[in-house]
C-alpha cells in the first residue's frame, strides 16, 4: 500500500510574504506608476491560498479588466524571478521532519500558486530531494481539490493526507476525500480538522495515526 502526505506551501512549508510583497510593489510601480498602491506583507498573507485570479481580484479591485488580469499575471511572473534570488523563510525543523516522514511516506506539494513558484521554494530551500511530485493551479488551471486528486491518482497513492493552514485548504482536502491536518502555526484558521499541529515537528505523530493500517 502506497501512502502519501500532500502539503500546501505558503503558511505550511515556508513564509515568503515579505519578499512577495516587495516584488509585487516593484512590478506595480513599473507597470502602473500612477496607481496609488503600496501592498503590505499582511495584504499578501491574507491572499495566500487563493488562485491567481482571485488574488488579483482581492488586491486590485480598483483596476478594471483586462488590465487587472494582465497586472496580476505580470506580478506573478516577476515574483518567481524575484524569489529565485531573495527566497522566503523556511519553517524551523522542516528538513528534519521531512527526512523522518520520507522513511514511511511519499511526499508531495499541491498549491494554488503560479507555475514555477513551487520550484522556487524547492531550489531556495534545497529540499527538492524529499518530494516526489508537485502540482499547482498555474500549471493545470484547476482548483486545489482537483489538483490533489490528480496528483494522488498520478502517483498511485492508496491513502494520503493533506496538510495546510487555512479553511480553504481544509475544504479542498474534504472535496478530494482526504483527511486534513491543520498547520495551526501558519496564516489561517480551520475548525474540525482531523488533526492539528502547532509545529511542523508534530506532523510525524499525526500522520502515523491518520495513516495507520
N, C-alpha and C. Protein backbone atom coordinates (compact mmCIF):
# COMPACT_ATOMS: atom_id res chain seq x y z
N UNK A 1 0.85 -1.20 0.00
CA UNK A 1 0.00 0.00 0.00
C UNK A 1 0.88 1.24 0.00
N UNK A 2 0.63 2.15 -0.95
CA UNK A 2 1.41 3.36 -1.04
C UNK A 2 0.70 4.51 -0.32
N UNK A 3 1.39 5.08 0.65
CA UNK A 3 0.82 6.16 1.45
C UNK A 3 1.57 7.46 1.18
N UNK A 4 0.84 8.57 1.23
CA UNK A 4 1.47 9.84 0.93
C UNK A 4 1.00 10.98 1.82
N UNK A 5 1.84 11.98 1.92
CA UNK A 5 1.50 13.23 2.60
C UNK A 5 1.62 14.34 1.58
N UNK A 6 0.52 15.05 1.35
CA UNK A 6 0.48 16.13 0.38
C UNK A 6 0.42 17.45 1.14
N UNK A 7 1.33 18.34 0.82
CA UNK A 7 1.46 19.61 1.54
C UNK A 7 0.95 20.78 0.72
N UNK A 8 0.32 21.72 1.40
CA UNK A 8 0.18 23.09 0.91
C UNK A 8 1.58 23.71 1.02
N UNK A 9 1.78 24.90 0.46
CA UNK A 9 3.11 25.50 0.51
C UNK A 9 3.16 26.73 1.43
N UNK A 10 2.52 27.82 1.03
CA UNK A 10 2.58 29.05 1.84
C UNK A 10 1.86 28.88 3.17
N UNK A 11 2.56 29.19 4.25
CA UNK A 11 1.98 29.05 5.58
C UNK A 11 2.06 27.64 6.12
N UNK A 12 2.59 26.72 5.31
CA UNK A 12 2.73 25.33 5.73
C UNK A 12 4.19 24.88 5.70
N UNK A 13 4.88 25.22 4.61
CA UNK A 13 6.29 24.86 4.48
C UNK A 13 7.21 26.08 4.61
N UNK A 14 6.73 27.25 4.18
CA UNK A 14 7.52 28.47 4.32
C UNK A 14 6.63 29.69 4.35
N UNK A 15 7.25 30.84 4.66
CA UNK A 15 6.58 32.14 4.65
C UNK A 15 7.43 33.08 3.79
N UNK A 16 6.92 33.38 2.59
CA UNK A 16 7.64 34.26 1.68
C UNK A 16 6.90 35.58 1.47
N UNK A 17 5.93 35.89 2.33
CA UNK A 17 5.04 37.03 2.09
C UNK A 17 5.78 38.37 2.07
N UNK A 18 6.79 38.54 2.91
CA UNK A 18 7.55 39.80 2.90
C UNK A 18 8.19 40.03 1.55
N UNK A 19 8.83 39.01 1.01
CA UNK A 19 9.51 39.13 -0.28
C UNK A 19 8.51 39.23 -1.42
N UNK A 20 7.40 38.54 -1.31
CA UNK A 20 6.38 38.62 -2.36
C UNK A 20 5.81 40.04 -2.42
N UNK A 21 5.53 40.63 -1.26
CA UNK A 21 5.02 42.00 -1.23
C UNK A 21 6.03 42.95 -1.88
N UNK A 22 7.30 42.77 -1.59
CA UNK A 22 8.33 43.60 -2.20
C UNK A 22 8.30 43.47 -3.72
N UNK A 23 8.21 42.24 -4.19
CA UNK A 23 8.24 42.02 -5.64
C UNK A 23 7.01 42.60 -6.32
N UNK A 24 5.85 42.44 -5.72
CA UNK A 24 4.63 42.97 -6.32
C UNK A 24 4.65 44.49 -6.35
N UNK A 25 5.15 45.13 -5.31
CA UNK A 25 5.21 46.59 -5.30
C UNK A 25 6.15 47.11 -6.39
N UNK A 26 7.26 46.43 -6.61
CA UNK A 26 8.17 46.80 -7.69
C UNK A 26 7.48 46.70 -9.03
N UNK A 27 6.78 45.58 -9.23
CA UNK A 27 6.11 45.34 -10.51
C UNK A 27 4.97 46.33 -10.74
N UNK A 28 4.18 46.61 -9.71
CA UNK A 28 3.07 47.55 -9.84
C UNK A 28 3.59 48.94 -10.22
N UNK A 29 4.66 49.36 -9.59
CA UNK A 29 5.22 50.69 -9.87
C UNK A 29 5.75 50.78 -11.30
N UNK A 30 6.29 49.66 -11.79
CA UNK A 30 6.80 49.64 -13.16
C UNK A 30 5.67 49.61 -14.19
N UNK A 31 4.64 48.83 -13.89
CA UNK A 31 3.54 48.65 -14.85
C UNK A 31 2.52 49.77 -14.80
N UNK A 32 2.20 50.23 -13.58
CA UNK A 32 1.19 51.27 -13.39
C UNK A 32 1.69 52.31 -12.41
N UNK A 33 2.60 53.18 -12.85
CA UNK A 33 3.21 54.16 -11.95
C UNK A 33 2.22 55.15 -11.34
N UNK A 34 1.07 55.35 -11.96
CA UNK A 34 0.08 56.28 -11.43
C UNK A 34 -0.86 55.64 -10.41
N UNK A 35 -0.74 54.33 -10.21
CA UNK A 35 -1.61 53.64 -9.26
C UNK A 35 -1.09 53.87 -7.84
N UNK A 36 -1.90 54.51 -7.02
CA UNK A 36 -1.50 54.83 -5.64
C UNK A 36 -1.76 53.61 -4.76
N UNK A 37 -0.81 52.71 -4.73
CA UNK A 37 -1.00 51.45 -4.01
C UNK A 37 0.34 50.95 -3.48
N UNK A 38 0.37 50.61 -2.22
CA UNK A 38 1.55 50.01 -1.59
C UNK A 38 1.08 48.77 -0.84
N UNK A 39 1.33 47.62 -1.40
CA UNK A 39 0.90 46.37 -0.79
C UNK A 39 1.79 46.04 0.40
N UNK A 40 1.19 45.48 1.44
CA UNK A 40 1.93 45.11 2.63
C UNK A 40 2.09 43.60 2.72
N UNK A 41 2.96 43.20 3.61
CA UNK A 41 3.14 41.77 3.87
C UNK A 41 1.82 41.13 4.30
N UNK A 42 1.04 41.84 5.11
CA UNK A 42 -0.25 41.30 5.56
C UNK A 42 -1.24 41.19 4.42
N UNK A 43 -1.19 42.11 3.46
CA UNK A 43 -2.06 42.01 2.28
C UNK A 43 -1.80 40.70 1.55
N UNK A 44 -0.54 40.39 1.37
CA UNK A 44 -0.18 39.16 0.64
C UNK A 44 -0.49 37.93 1.47
N UNK A 45 -0.27 38.01 2.78
CA UNK A 45 -0.56 36.87 3.64
C UNK A 45 -2.06 36.55 3.60
N UNK A 46 -2.88 37.58 3.56
CA UNK A 46 -4.32 37.38 3.51
C UNK A 46 -4.80 36.82 2.19
N UNK A 47 -3.98 36.93 1.15
CA UNK A 47 -4.37 36.43 -0.16
C UNK A 47 -3.78 35.04 -0.45
N UNK A 48 -2.85 34.60 0.37
CA UNK A 48 -2.22 33.29 0.15
C UNK A 48 -3.27 32.18 0.21
N UNK A 49 -3.14 31.25 -0.70
CA UNK A 49 -4.09 30.14 -0.76
C UNK A 49 -5.14 30.32 -1.82
N UNK A 50 -5.33 31.55 -2.28
CA UNK A 50 -6.28 31.81 -3.36
C UNK A 50 -5.63 31.52 -4.71
N UNK A 51 -6.46 31.32 -5.73
CA UNK A 51 -5.91 31.18 -7.07
C UNK A 51 -5.39 32.54 -7.52
N UNK A 52 -4.62 32.56 -8.57
CA UNK A 52 -4.05 33.81 -9.05
C UNK A 52 -5.14 34.80 -9.47
N UNK A 53 -6.18 34.30 -10.10
CA UNK A 53 -7.29 35.17 -10.50
C UNK A 53 -7.94 35.81 -9.27
N UNK A 54 -8.17 35.01 -8.24
CA UNK A 54 -8.80 35.52 -7.02
C UNK A 54 -7.89 36.50 -6.30
N UNK A 55 -6.59 36.27 -6.34
CA UNK A 55 -5.65 37.19 -5.71
C UNK A 55 -5.71 38.55 -6.39
N UNK A 56 -5.74 38.54 -7.72
CA UNK A 56 -5.84 39.79 -8.46
C UNK A 56 -7.12 40.55 -8.13
N UNK A 57 -8.22 39.81 -8.03
CA UNK A 57 -9.50 40.44 -7.69
C UNK A 57 -9.47 41.04 -6.28
N UNK A 58 -8.76 40.38 -5.38
CA UNK A 58 -8.69 40.85 -4.00
C UNK A 58 -7.77 42.06 -3.83
N UNK A 59 -6.62 42.04 -4.50
CA UNK A 59 -5.62 43.08 -4.30
C UNK A 59 -5.78 44.27 -5.24
N UNK A 60 -6.39 44.05 -6.41
CA UNK A 60 -6.51 45.12 -7.40
C UNK A 60 -7.96 45.40 -7.81
N UNK A 61 -8.88 45.57 -6.87
CA UNK A 61 -10.27 45.82 -7.25
C UNK A 61 -10.45 47.16 -7.97
N UNK A 62 -9.49 48.06 -7.80
CA UNK A 62 -9.57 49.38 -8.43
C UNK A 62 -9.13 49.37 -9.89
N UNK A 63 -8.58 48.25 -10.34
CA UNK A 63 -8.11 48.12 -11.72
C UNK A 63 -9.13 47.33 -12.52
N UNK A 64 -9.57 47.88 -13.63
CA UNK A 64 -10.57 47.22 -14.46
C UNK A 64 -9.93 46.13 -15.32
N UNK A 65 -10.74 45.16 -15.70
CA UNK A 65 -10.28 44.15 -16.65
C UNK A 65 -10.27 44.76 -18.06
N UNK A 66 -9.37 44.34 -18.95
CA UNK A 66 -8.44 43.22 -18.76
C UNK A 66 -7.12 43.61 -18.08
N UNK A 67 -6.98 44.90 -17.76
CA UNK A 67 -5.73 45.36 -17.15
C UNK A 67 -5.44 44.66 -15.82
N UNK A 68 -6.50 44.34 -15.04
CA UNK A 68 -6.30 43.68 -13.76
C UNK A 68 -5.64 42.32 -13.95
N UNK A 69 -6.16 41.54 -14.89
CA UNK A 69 -5.59 40.23 -15.14
C UNK A 69 -4.16 40.32 -15.66
N UNK A 70 -3.90 41.32 -16.50
CA UNK A 70 -2.55 41.50 -17.04
C UNK A 70 -1.58 41.91 -15.94
N UNK A 71 -2.03 42.79 -15.04
CA UNK A 71 -1.17 43.21 -13.93
C UNK A 71 -0.88 42.06 -12.99
N UNK A 72 -1.91 41.27 -12.68
CA UNK A 72 -1.73 40.12 -11.80
C UNK A 72 -0.75 39.12 -12.39
N UNK A 73 -0.91 38.83 -13.68
CA UNK A 73 -0.01 37.89 -14.35
C UNK A 73 1.42 38.41 -14.34
N UNK A 74 1.60 39.71 -14.57
CA UNK A 74 2.94 40.29 -14.57
C UNK A 74 3.57 40.21 -13.18
N UNK A 75 2.77 40.48 -12.14
CA UNK A 75 3.28 40.39 -10.77
C UNK A 75 3.68 38.96 -10.42
N UNK A 76 2.87 38.02 -10.84
CA UNK A 76 3.19 36.60 -10.56
C UNK A 76 4.48 36.19 -11.26
N UNK A 77 4.65 36.61 -12.50
CA UNK A 77 5.87 36.26 -13.23
C UNK A 77 7.09 36.90 -12.59
N UNK A 78 6.97 38.17 -12.22
CA UNK A 78 8.11 38.87 -11.61
C UNK A 78 8.43 38.28 -10.24
N UNK A 79 7.38 37.89 -9.51
CA UNK A 79 7.56 37.27 -8.19
C UNK A 79 8.45 36.05 -8.25
N UNK A 80 8.22 35.18 -9.24
CA UNK A 80 9.02 33.97 -9.38
C UNK A 80 10.49 34.32 -9.58
N UNK A 81 10.77 35.30 -10.45
CA UNK A 81 12.15 35.69 -10.69
C UNK A 81 12.77 36.32 -9.45
N UNK A 82 11.99 37.11 -8.73
CA UNK A 82 12.47 37.79 -7.52
C UNK A 82 12.81 36.79 -6.43
N UNK A 83 11.97 35.78 -6.28
CA UNK A 83 12.18 34.79 -5.21
C UNK A 83 13.37 33.87 -5.50
N UNK A 84 13.76 33.76 -6.74
CA UNK A 84 14.91 32.93 -7.07
C UNK A 84 16.17 33.43 -6.37
N UNK A 85 16.24 34.75 -6.14
CA UNK A 85 17.42 35.32 -5.50
C UNK A 85 17.14 35.86 -4.10
N UNK A 86 15.87 36.02 -3.74
CA UNK A 86 15.54 36.59 -2.43
C UNK A 86 14.86 35.60 -1.48
N UNK A 87 14.24 34.57 -2.03
CA UNK A 87 13.70 33.47 -1.23
C UNK A 87 12.66 33.85 -0.21
N UNK A 88 12.46 32.93 0.75
CA UNK A 88 11.50 33.11 1.83
C UNK A 88 12.03 32.46 3.09
N UNK A 89 11.20 32.44 4.12
CA UNK A 89 11.61 31.87 5.41
C UNK A 89 11.05 30.45 5.54
N UNK A 90 11.93 29.46 5.45
CA UNK A 90 11.51 28.06 5.62
C UNK A 90 11.28 27.82 7.11
N UNK A 91 10.19 27.13 7.44
CA UNK A 91 9.87 26.92 8.85
C UNK A 91 10.92 26.05 9.53
N UNK A 92 11.24 26.43 10.74
CA UNK A 92 12.27 25.74 11.51
C UNK A 92 11.91 24.27 11.72
N UNK A 93 12.88 23.41 11.53
CA UNK A 93 12.69 21.98 11.74
C UNK A 93 12.10 21.24 10.55
N UNK A 94 11.87 21.96 9.43
CA UNK A 94 11.20 21.33 8.29
C UNK A 94 12.02 20.18 7.70
N UNK A 95 13.30 20.41 7.45
CA UNK A 95 14.07 19.36 6.80
C UNK A 95 14.17 18.10 7.66
N UNK A 96 14.38 18.25 8.94
CA UNK A 96 14.45 17.08 9.80
C UNK A 96 13.13 16.31 9.80
N UNK A 97 12.02 17.05 9.77
CA UNK A 97 10.70 16.40 9.74
C UNK A 97 10.49 15.67 8.42
N UNK A 98 10.85 16.31 7.31
CA UNK A 98 10.71 15.67 6.01
C UNK A 98 11.57 14.41 5.92
N UNK A 99 12.76 14.47 6.48
CA UNK A 99 13.66 13.31 6.47
C UNK A 99 13.02 12.14 7.21
N UNK A 100 12.38 12.44 8.32
CA UNK A 100 11.71 11.40 9.10
C UNK A 100 10.50 10.85 8.36
N UNK A 101 9.69 11.74 7.78
CA UNK A 101 8.49 11.31 7.07
C UNK A 101 8.81 10.49 5.82
N UNK A 102 9.91 10.84 5.16
CA UNK A 102 10.29 10.19 3.91
C UNK A 102 10.54 8.70 4.08
N UNK A 103 10.84 8.27 5.30
CA UNK A 103 11.08 6.85 5.56
C UNK A 103 9.83 6.01 5.33
N UNK A 104 8.65 6.59 5.55
CA UNK A 104 7.42 5.83 5.50
C UNK A 104 6.41 6.29 4.46
N UNK A 105 6.58 7.51 3.94
CA UNK A 105 5.57 8.07 3.04
C UNK A 105 6.20 8.77 1.84
N UNK A 106 5.42 8.81 0.76
CA UNK A 106 5.78 9.67 -0.35
C UNK A 106 5.36 11.09 0.00
N UNK A 107 6.16 12.08 -0.37
CA UNK A 107 5.88 13.47 -0.01
C UNK A 107 5.63 14.29 -1.27
N UNK A 108 4.62 15.17 -1.21
CA UNK A 108 4.16 15.90 -2.39
C UNK A 108 3.72 17.31 -2.00
N UNK A 109 3.59 18.19 -2.99
CA UNK A 109 3.09 19.54 -2.78
C UNK A 109 2.00 19.85 -3.79
N UNK A 110 0.87 20.38 -3.31
CA UNK A 110 -0.17 20.91 -4.19
C UNK A 110 -0.52 22.30 -3.69
N UNK A 111 -0.39 23.30 -4.56
CA UNK A 111 -0.62 24.69 -4.19
C UNK A 111 -1.45 25.39 -5.26
N UNK A 112 -2.10 26.48 -4.87
CA UNK A 112 -2.85 27.29 -5.83
C UNK A 112 -1.97 28.34 -6.51
N UNK A 113 -0.67 28.17 -6.44
CA UNK A 113 0.27 29.17 -6.95
C UNK A 113 0.43 29.11 -8.46
N UNK A 114 1.21 30.06 -8.98
CA UNK A 114 1.57 30.09 -10.39
C UNK A 114 2.64 29.05 -10.68
N UNK A 115 2.73 28.66 -11.95
CA UNK A 115 3.75 27.70 -12.36
C UNK A 115 5.13 28.30 -12.12
N UNK A 116 6.01 27.53 -11.54
CA UNK A 116 7.37 27.98 -11.25
C UNK A 116 7.58 28.36 -9.80
N UNK A 117 6.49 28.62 -9.06
CA UNK A 117 6.62 29.06 -7.67
C UNK A 117 7.11 27.93 -6.77
N UNK A 118 6.53 26.74 -6.93
CA UNK A 118 6.96 25.60 -6.11
C UNK A 118 8.43 25.31 -6.37
N UNK A 119 8.84 25.43 -7.62
CA UNK A 119 10.24 25.19 -7.97
C UNK A 119 11.16 26.18 -7.27
N UNK A 120 10.69 27.44 -7.12
CA UNK A 120 11.48 28.44 -6.39
C UNK A 120 11.70 28.00 -4.94
N UNK A 121 10.62 27.52 -4.32
CA UNK A 121 10.74 27.04 -2.95
C UNK A 121 11.72 25.88 -2.86
N UNK A 122 11.59 24.92 -3.75
CA UNK A 122 12.45 23.74 -3.69
C UNK A 122 13.91 24.10 -3.92
N UNK A 123 14.17 25.02 -4.84
CA UNK A 123 15.55 25.43 -5.12
C UNK A 123 16.12 26.24 -3.96
N UNK A 124 15.35 27.19 -3.45
CA UNK A 124 15.83 28.05 -2.37
C UNK A 124 16.09 27.26 -1.10
N UNK A 125 15.18 26.34 -0.78
CA UNK A 125 15.28 25.58 0.46
C UNK A 125 16.26 24.42 0.37
N UNK A 126 16.53 23.97 -0.85
CA UNK A 126 17.39 22.80 -1.03
C UNK A 126 16.71 21.50 -0.65
N UNK A 127 15.38 21.48 -0.66
CA UNK A 127 14.62 20.31 -0.19
C UNK A 127 14.03 19.49 -1.32
N UNK A 128 14.45 19.73 -2.54
CA UNK A 128 13.83 19.07 -3.69
C UNK A 128 13.90 17.55 -3.59
N UNK A 129 14.95 17.02 -2.97
CA UNK A 129 15.13 15.56 -2.93
C UNK A 129 14.09 14.84 -2.08
N UNK A 130 13.36 15.59 -1.26
CA UNK A 130 12.37 14.94 -0.40
C UNK A 130 11.00 14.77 -1.06
N UNK A 131 10.76 15.47 -2.17
CA UNK A 131 9.43 15.47 -2.77
C UNK A 131 9.41 14.71 -4.09
N UNK A 132 8.38 13.87 -4.25
CA UNK A 132 8.26 13.04 -5.44
C UNK A 132 7.55 13.74 -6.59
N UNK A 133 6.62 14.63 -6.26
CA UNK A 133 5.82 15.25 -7.33
C UNK A 133 5.15 16.50 -6.77
N UNK A 134 4.76 17.41 -7.67
CA UNK A 134 4.06 18.62 -7.27
C UNK A 134 3.00 18.95 -8.31
N UNK A 135 2.02 19.76 -7.89
CA UNK A 135 1.02 20.26 -8.84
C UNK A 135 0.52 21.61 -8.38
N UNK A 136 0.06 22.44 -9.34
CA UNK A 136 -0.40 23.78 -8.99
C UNK A 136 -1.44 24.30 -9.97
N UNK A 137 -2.15 25.33 -9.54
CA UNK A 137 -3.18 25.97 -10.36
C UNK A 137 -2.58 26.54 -11.65
N UNK A 138 -1.39 27.14 -11.53
CA UNK A 138 -0.78 27.75 -12.69
C UNK A 138 -0.46 26.78 -13.81
N UNK A 139 -0.31 25.52 -13.47
CA UNK A 139 0.02 24.50 -14.47
C UNK A 139 -1.23 23.87 -15.08
N UNK A 140 -2.24 23.65 -14.25
CA UNK A 140 -3.43 22.93 -14.73
C UNK A 140 -4.64 23.81 -14.95
N UNK A 141 -4.69 24.97 -14.26
CA UNK A 141 -5.87 25.82 -14.32
C UNK A 141 -7.04 25.29 -13.52
N UNK A 142 -6.79 24.28 -12.69
CA UNK A 142 -7.84 23.65 -11.91
C UNK A 142 -7.74 24.05 -10.43
N UNK A 143 -8.87 23.94 -9.72
CA UNK A 143 -8.90 24.25 -8.31
C UNK A 143 -8.09 23.22 -7.52
N UNK A 144 -7.78 23.56 -6.27
CA UNK A 144 -6.87 22.75 -5.47
C UNK A 144 -7.38 21.32 -5.24
N UNK A 145 -8.67 21.15 -5.00
CA UNK A 145 -9.18 19.79 -4.76
C UNK A 145 -8.98 18.89 -5.97
N UNK A 146 -9.17 19.45 -7.18
CA UNK A 146 -8.96 18.66 -8.38
C UNK A 146 -7.48 18.34 -8.56
N UNK A 147 -6.61 19.27 -8.21
CA UNK A 147 -5.17 19.01 -8.34
C UNK A 147 -4.69 17.99 -7.31
N UNK A 148 -5.31 17.98 -6.13
CA UNK A 148 -4.98 16.95 -5.13
C UNK A 148 -5.33 15.57 -5.68
N UNK A 149 -6.53 15.46 -6.25
CA UNK A 149 -6.96 14.19 -6.82
C UNK A 149 -6.06 13.79 -7.98
N UNK A 150 -5.73 14.75 -8.83
CA UNK A 150 -4.87 14.48 -9.98
C UNK A 150 -3.52 13.93 -9.54
N UNK A 151 -2.91 14.59 -8.56
CA UNK A 151 -1.61 14.13 -8.07
C UNK A 151 -1.72 12.77 -7.40
N UNK A 152 -2.75 12.58 -6.62
CA UNK A 152 -2.95 11.30 -5.91
C UNK A 152 -3.07 10.15 -6.91
N UNK A 153 -3.83 10.36 -7.95
CA UNK A 153 -4.03 9.31 -8.95
C UNK A 153 -2.77 9.09 -9.77
N UNK A 154 -2.10 10.17 -10.11
CA UNK A 154 -0.89 10.09 -10.93
C UNK A 154 0.22 9.31 -10.24
N UNK A 155 0.25 9.41 -8.91
CA UNK A 155 1.30 8.74 -8.15
C UNK A 155 0.87 7.42 -7.52
N UNK A 156 -0.34 6.98 -7.84
CA UNK A 156 -0.81 5.69 -7.36
C UNK A 156 -0.92 5.59 -5.85
N UNK A 157 -1.35 6.68 -5.21
CA UNK A 157 -1.47 6.68 -3.76
C UNK A 157 -2.75 5.98 -3.33
N UNK A 158 -2.59 4.99 -2.48
CA UNK A 158 -3.76 4.30 -1.94
C UNK A 158 -4.39 5.10 -0.80
N UNK A 159 -3.55 5.73 -0.01
CA UNK A 159 -4.02 6.56 1.11
C UNK A 159 -3.13 7.79 1.22
N UNK A 160 -3.75 8.90 1.59
CA UNK A 160 -2.97 10.14 1.71
C UNK A 160 -3.69 11.10 2.65
N UNK A 161 -2.94 12.07 3.15
CA UNK A 161 -3.50 13.16 3.94
C UNK A 161 -3.03 14.47 3.32
N UNK A 162 -3.78 15.55 3.59
CA UNK A 162 -3.38 16.86 3.11
C UNK A 162 -3.09 17.75 4.30
N UNK A 163 -1.96 18.45 4.24
CA UNK A 163 -1.53 19.33 5.32
C UNK A 163 -1.56 20.76 4.84
N UNK A 164 -2.36 21.61 5.50
CA UNK A 164 -2.46 23.00 5.11
C UNK A 164 -2.82 23.88 6.29
N UNK A 165 -2.85 25.19 6.05
CA UNK A 165 -3.02 26.12 7.17
C UNK A 165 -4.31 26.92 7.15
N UNK A 166 -5.16 26.75 6.14
CA UNK A 166 -6.36 27.58 6.04
C UNK A 166 -7.63 26.75 5.90
N UNK A 167 -8.76 27.42 6.10
CA UNK A 167 -10.06 26.76 5.91
C UNK A 167 -10.25 26.36 4.46
N UNK A 168 -9.68 27.13 3.54
CA UNK A 168 -9.74 26.77 2.12
C UNK A 168 -9.00 25.47 1.86
N UNK A 169 -7.85 25.30 2.50
CA UNK A 169 -7.11 24.04 2.39
C UNK A 169 -7.96 22.88 2.91
N UNK A 170 -8.63 23.11 4.02
CA UNK A 170 -9.48 22.07 4.61
C UNK A 170 -10.61 21.70 3.67
N UNK A 171 -11.27 22.70 3.10
CA UNK A 171 -12.37 22.44 2.18
C UNK A 171 -11.88 21.66 0.95
N UNK A 172 -10.68 21.99 0.49
CA UNK A 172 -10.11 21.29 -0.66
C UNK A 172 -9.82 19.83 -0.32
N UNK A 173 -9.27 19.60 0.87
CA UNK A 173 -8.99 18.23 1.30
C UNK A 173 -10.27 17.42 1.40
N UNK A 174 -11.30 18.01 1.98
CA UNK A 174 -12.58 17.32 2.13
C UNK A 174 -13.15 16.99 0.76
N UNK A 175 -13.12 17.96 -0.16
CA UNK A 175 -13.64 17.73 -1.51
C UNK A 175 -12.87 16.64 -2.24
N UNK A 176 -11.57 16.52 -1.92
CA UNK A 176 -10.73 15.50 -2.55
C UNK A 176 -10.82 14.15 -1.83
N UNK A 177 -11.54 14.11 -0.70
CA UNK A 177 -11.71 12.87 0.04
C UNK A 177 -10.54 12.49 0.92
N UNK A 178 -9.75 13.48 1.36
CA UNK A 178 -8.58 13.22 2.19
C UNK A 178 -8.74 13.78 3.60
N UNK A 179 -8.19 13.10 4.60
CA UNK A 179 -8.11 13.68 5.95
C UNK A 179 -7.28 14.95 5.90
N UNK A 180 -7.61 15.90 6.76
CA UNK A 180 -6.92 17.20 6.76
C UNK A 180 -6.18 17.42 8.07
N UNK A 181 -4.92 17.80 7.96
CA UNK A 181 -4.11 18.19 9.12
C UNK A 181 -3.93 19.70 9.07
N UNK A 182 -4.39 20.38 10.12
CA UNK A 182 -4.28 21.83 10.15
C UNK A 182 -2.94 22.27 10.72
N UNK A 183 -2.16 22.98 9.92
CA UNK A 183 -0.90 23.57 10.37
C UNK A 183 -1.24 24.89 11.06
N UNK A 184 -1.52 24.81 12.35
CA UNK A 184 -2.03 25.97 13.09
C UNK A 184 -1.01 27.07 13.27
N UNK A 185 0.25 26.80 12.94
CA UNK A 185 1.31 27.81 13.03
C UNK A 185 1.32 28.72 11.80
N UNK A 186 0.49 28.41 10.81
CA UNK A 186 0.50 29.14 9.54
C UNK A 186 -0.33 30.40 9.53
N UNK A 187 -0.91 30.71 8.37
CA UNK A 187 -1.55 32.00 8.15
C UNK A 187 -3.03 32.04 8.54
N UNK A 188 -3.70 30.89 8.53
CA UNK A 188 -5.14 30.90 8.68
C UNK A 188 -5.67 30.05 9.81
N UNK A 189 -6.98 29.88 9.81
CA UNK A 189 -7.65 29.08 10.82
C UNK A 189 -8.47 27.98 10.15
N UNK A 190 -8.81 26.99 10.93
CA UNK A 190 -9.67 25.90 10.46
C UNK A 190 -10.37 25.30 11.66
N UNK A 191 -11.52 24.71 11.42
CA UNK A 191 -12.30 24.13 12.51
C UNK A 191 -12.66 22.68 12.19
N UNK A 192 -12.45 21.80 13.15
CA UNK A 192 -12.83 20.41 12.96
C UNK A 192 -11.88 19.60 12.11
N UNK A 193 -10.61 20.00 12.08
CA UNK A 193 -9.62 19.24 11.32
C UNK A 193 -9.44 17.85 11.91
N UNK A 194 -8.97 16.92 11.10
CA UNK A 194 -8.73 15.56 11.58
C UNK A 194 -7.55 15.51 12.55
N UNK A 195 -6.65 16.47 12.42
CA UNK A 195 -5.53 16.61 13.36
C UNK A 195 -5.05 18.06 13.29
N UNK A 196 -4.47 18.53 14.37
CA UNK A 196 -3.95 19.89 14.44
C UNK A 196 -2.51 19.83 14.93
N UNK A 197 -1.61 20.53 14.25
CA UNK A 197 -0.22 20.59 14.68
C UNK A 197 0.17 22.05 14.91
N UNK A 198 0.84 22.31 16.01
CA UNK A 198 1.30 23.66 16.32
C UNK A 198 2.71 23.91 15.87
N UNK A 199 3.34 22.86 15.33
CA UNK A 199 4.72 22.94 14.87
C UNK A 199 4.91 21.81 13.86
N UNK A 200 5.71 22.03 12.83
CA UNK A 200 5.89 21.02 11.80
C UNK A 200 6.45 19.72 12.36
N UNK A 201 7.19 19.80 13.46
CA UNK A 201 7.79 18.61 14.06
C UNK A 201 6.74 17.66 14.63
N UNK A 202 5.51 18.12 14.80
CA UNK A 202 4.43 17.29 15.32
C UNK A 202 3.75 16.46 14.23
N UNK A 203 4.11 16.70 12.98
CA UNK A 203 3.43 16.01 11.88
C UNK A 203 3.66 14.50 11.85
N UNK A 204 4.87 13.98 12.08
CA UNK A 204 5.05 12.53 12.04
C UNK A 204 4.09 11.77 12.95
N UNK A 205 3.85 12.28 14.14
CA UNK A 205 2.93 11.63 15.05
C UNK A 205 1.50 11.66 14.54
N UNK A 206 1.09 12.82 14.02
CA UNK A 206 -0.27 12.95 13.48
C UNK A 206 -0.46 12.06 12.26
N UNK A 207 0.55 12.02 11.39
CA UNK A 207 0.47 11.19 10.19
C UNK A 207 0.39 9.71 10.53
N UNK A 208 1.14 9.29 11.52
CA UNK A 208 1.13 7.88 11.93
C UNK A 208 -0.26 7.44 12.36
N UNK A 209 -0.98 8.31 13.04
CA UNK A 209 -2.33 7.98 13.50
C UNK A 209 -3.32 7.96 12.34
N UNK A 210 -3.24 8.95 11.46
CA UNK A 210 -4.20 9.06 10.37
C UNK A 210 -3.95 8.06 9.24
N UNK A 211 -2.72 7.60 9.12
CA UNK A 211 -2.37 6.68 8.03
C UNK A 211 -2.04 5.29 8.54
N UNK A 212 -2.45 5.00 9.77
CA UNK A 212 -2.20 3.66 10.34
C UNK A 212 -2.94 2.61 9.54
N UNK A 213 -2.36 1.42 9.45
CA UNK A 213 -3.01 0.31 8.74
C UNK A 213 -4.26 -0.15 9.49
